C-alpha atoms as a PDB file:
ATOM      1  CA  MET A   1      54.484  68.259  54.088  1.00  0.00           C
ATOM      2  CA  LEU A   2      53.352  67.695  57.646  1.00  0.00           C
ATOM      3  CA  ALA A   3      50.760  65.154  56.480  1.00  0.00           C
ATOM      4  CA  PHE A   4      53.590  63.193  54.846  1.00  0.00           C
ATOM      5  CA  PHE A   5      55.452  62.956  58.146  1.00  0.00           C
ATOM      6  CA  TYR A   6      52.297  61.966  60.025  1.00  0.00           C
ATOM      7  CA  ALA A   7      51.763  59.174  57.501  1.00  0.00           C
ATOM      8  CA  LEU A   8      55.388  58.059  57.740  1.00  0.00           C
ATOM      9  CA  ILE A   9      55.661  58.021  61.550  1.00  0.00           C
ATOM     10  CA  PRO A  10      53.726  54.726  62.045  1.00  0.00           C
ATOM     11  CA  VAL A  11      55.898  52.998  59.425  1.00  0.00           C
ATOM     12  CA  VAL A  12      59.090  54.151  61.152  1.00  0.00           C
ATOM     13  CA  LEU A  13      57.775  53.172  64.592  1.00  0.00           C
ATOM     14  CA  ILE A  14      56.710  49.688  63.482  1.00  0.00           C
ATOM     15  CA  THR A  15      60.068  49.165  61.781  1.00  0.00           C
ATOM     16  CA  ALA A  16      61.897  50.321  64.919  1.00  0.00           C
ATOM     17  CA  LEU A  17      59.756  48.023  67.070  1.00  0.00           C
ATOM     18  CA  GLY A  18      60.570  45.056  64.815  1.00  0.00           C
ATOM     19  CA  TRP A  19      64.276  45.900  64.923  1.00  0.00           C
ATOM     20  CA  LEU A  20      64.189  46.210  68.722  1.00  0.00           C
ATOM     21  CA  LEU A  21      62.341  42.907  69.126  1.00  0.00           C
ATOM     22  CA  ALA A  22      64.828  41.190  66.806  1.00  0.00           C
ATOM     23  CA  LYS A  23      67.777  42.597  68.799  1.00  0.00           C
ATOM     24  CA  GLN A  24      66.219  41.303  72.024  1.00  0.00           C
ATOM     25  CA  ASN A  25      65.793  37.822  70.462  1.00  0.00           C
ATOM     26  CA  PHE A  26      62.046  38.024  71.042  1.00  0.00           C
ATOM     27  CA  LEU A  27      61.553  35.364  68.344  1.00  0.00           C
ATOM     28  CA  ALA A  28      63.880  32.845  66.779  1.00  0.00           C
ATOM     29  CA  ALA A  29      65.051  33.492  63.215  1.00  0.00           C
ATOM     30  CA  ASP A  30      62.547  30.942  61.862  1.00  0.00           C
ATOM     31  CA  GLY A  31      59.740  32.820  63.602  1.00  0.00           C
ATOM     32  CA  TRP A  32      60.718  36.083  61.923  1.00  0.00           C
ATOM     33  CA  ARG A  33      60.847  34.383  58.518  1.00  0.00           C
ATOM     34  CA  ALA A  34      57.357  32.974  59.063  1.00  0.00           C
ATOM     35  CA  ILE A  35      56.028  36.412  60.026  1.00  0.00           C
ATOM     36  CA  GLU A  36      57.680  38.012  56.981  1.00  0.00           C
ATOM     37  CA  LYS A  37      56.079  35.420  54.698  1.00  0.00           C
ATOM     38  CA  LEU A  38      52.667  35.923  56.295  1.00  0.00           C
ATOM     39  CA  VAL A  39      52.861  39.703  55.919  1.00  0.00           C
ATOM     40  CA  TYR A  40      54.256  39.610  52.374  1.00  0.00           C
ATOM     41  CA  PHE A  41      51.883  37.020  50.907  1.00  0.00           C
ATOM     42  CA  ILE A  42      48.689  37.464  52.978  1.00  0.00           C
ATOM     43  CA  PHE A  43      48.398  40.687  54.995  1.00  0.00           C
ATOM     44  CA  PHE A  44      49.917  43.193  52.550  1.00  0.00           C
ATOM     45  CA  PRO A  45      47.896  42.024  49.513  1.00  0.00           C
ATOM     46  CA  ALA A  46      44.778  42.022  51.704  1.00  0.00           C
ATOM     47  CA  LEU A  47      45.537  45.608  52.728  1.00  0.00           C
ATOM     48  CA  ILE A  48      45.943  46.675  49.105  1.00  0.00           C
ATOM     49  CA  ILE A  49      42.670  44.990  48.091  1.00  0.00           C
ATOM     50  CA  ASN A  50      40.868  46.562  51.055  1.00  0.00           C
ATOM     51  CA  VAL A  51      42.098  50.062  50.176  1.00  0.00           C
ATOM     52  CA  LEU A  52      41.271  49.654  46.487  1.00  0.00           C
ATOM     53  CA  ALA A  53      37.794  48.334  47.289  1.00  0.00           C
ATOM     54  CA  GLY A  54      36.949  51.581  49.065  1.00  0.00           C
ATOM     55  CA  ALA A  55      38.703  53.901  46.609  1.00  0.00           C
ATOM     56  CA  SER A  56      36.866  56.304  44.355  1.00  0.00           C
ATOM     57  CA  PHE A  57      37.920  55.948  40.728  1.00  0.00           C
ATOM     58  CA  GLU A  58      36.077  59.022  39.414  1.00  0.00           C
ATOM     59  CA  THR A  59      38.995  61.367  40.050  1.00  0.00           C
ATOM     60  CA  VAL A  60      41.793  59.094  38.827  1.00  0.00           C
ATOM     61  CA  PRO A  61      44.321  60.886  36.575  1.00  0.00           C
ATOM     62  CA  TRP A  62      44.034  58.353  33.758  1.00  0.00           C
ATOM     63  CA  ALA A  63      46.788  59.943  31.663  1.00  0.00           C
ATOM     64  CA  MET A  64      49.269  59.374  34.502  1.00  0.00           C
ATOM     65  CA  VAL A  65      47.999  55.812  34.956  1.00  0.00           C
ATOM     66  CA  LEU A  66      48.667  55.071  31.285  1.00  0.00           C
ATOM     67  CA  VAL A  67      52.161  56.596  31.487  1.00  0.00           C
ATOM     68  CA  LEU A  68      52.989  54.497  34.550  1.00  0.00           C
ATOM     69  CA  ILE A  69      51.693  51.312  32.925  1.00  0.00           C
ATOM     70  CA  GLY A  70      53.763  52.124  29.841  1.00  0.00           C
ATOM     71  CA  SER A  71      56.837  52.734  32.008  1.00  0.00           C
ATOM     72  CA  GLN A  72      56.428  49.413  33.819  1.00  0.00           C
ATOM     73  CA  SER A  73      55.940  47.621  30.504  1.00  0.00           C
ATOM     74  CA  THR A  74      59.119  49.226  29.161  1.00  0.00           C
ATOM     75  CA  LEU A  75      61.040  48.177  32.271  1.00  0.00           C
ATOM     76  CA  ALA A  76      59.712  44.638  31.907  1.00  0.00           C
ATOM     77  CA  LEU A  77      60.902  44.536  28.304  1.00  0.00           C
ATOM     78  CA  LEU A  78      64.320  45.905  29.296  1.00  0.00           C
ATOM     79  CA  GLY A  79      64.479  43.281  32.044  1.00  0.00           C
ATOM     80  CA  LEU A  80      63.803  40.522  29.552  1.00  0.00           C
ATOM     81  CA  LEU A  81      66.420  41.899  27.166  1.00  0.00           C
ATOM     82  CA  ALA A  82      68.970  42.290  29.966  1.00  0.00           C
ATOM     83  CA  LYS A  83      68.231  38.763  31.128  1.00  0.00           C
ATOM     84  CA  ARG A  84      69.322  37.506  27.743  1.00  0.00           C
ATOM     85  CA  ALA A  85      72.243  39.923  27.383  1.00  0.00           C
ATOM     86  CA  ASP A  86      74.458  39.351  30.419  1.00  0.00           C
ATOM     87  CA  ASP A  87      74.630  38.353  34.062  1.00  0.00           C
ATOM     88  CA  GLY A  88      76.135  41.594  35.349  1.00  0.00           C
ATOM     89  CA  PRO A  89      74.789  44.129  37.853  1.00  0.00           C
ATOM     90  CA  ARG A  90      72.773  45.895  35.143  1.00  0.00           C
ATOM     91  CA  LYS A  91      70.568  42.840  34.759  1.00  0.00           C
ATOM     92  CA  GLY A  92      69.882  42.623  38.471  1.00  0.00           C
ATOM     93  CA  SER A  93      69.042  46.285  38.889  1.00  0.00           C
ATOM     94  CA  ILE A  94      66.615  46.318  35.961  1.00  0.00           C
ATOM     95  CA  ILE A  95      64.817  43.158  36.996  1.00  0.00           C
ATOM     96  CA  GLN A  96      64.689  44.078  40.676  1.00  0.00           C
ATOM     97  CA  SER A  97      63.335  47.551  39.990  1.00  0.00           C
ATOM     98  CA  ASN A  98      60.505  46.022  38.011  1.00  0.00           C
ATOM     99  CA  VAL A  99      59.460  43.121  40.209  1.00  0.00           C
ATOM    100  CA  ARG A 100      59.983  44.271  43.812  1.00  0.00           C
ATOM    101  CA  TRP A 101      57.068  45.635  45.778  1.00  0.00           C
ATOM    102  CA  ASN A 102      58.228  49.121  46.684  1.00  0.00           C
ATOM    103  CA  THR A 103      54.805  50.207  47.880  1.00  0.00           C
ATOM    104  CA  PHE A 104      55.176  49.653  51.606  1.00  0.00           C
ATOM    105  CA  VAL A 105      55.777  53.322  52.437  1.00  0.00           C
ATOM    106  CA  GLY A 106      53.505  54.508  49.606  1.00  0.00           C
END
């Protein structure tokens, strides 16, 4: 449990630093948008590729990988069906849960 908190502390500190800099008007709003784009499209994918390049795949729990791939595929199918069904909140929550990158903390 302690290792989890040690891993989470840098994320919280960087987020707090960004919030503090934004409150102090360190950069204009356009500057923040440019930084967000750079991180989202360049730096974060590069980080993922770098980590995966050094990862050992001998101890991967393949059964869990297949279940997760199946779950994502099911969510994608539900998203497509919801997209055709209605424009209500259900559609948005299904599609967003399938396409957003929720791996920043992970």
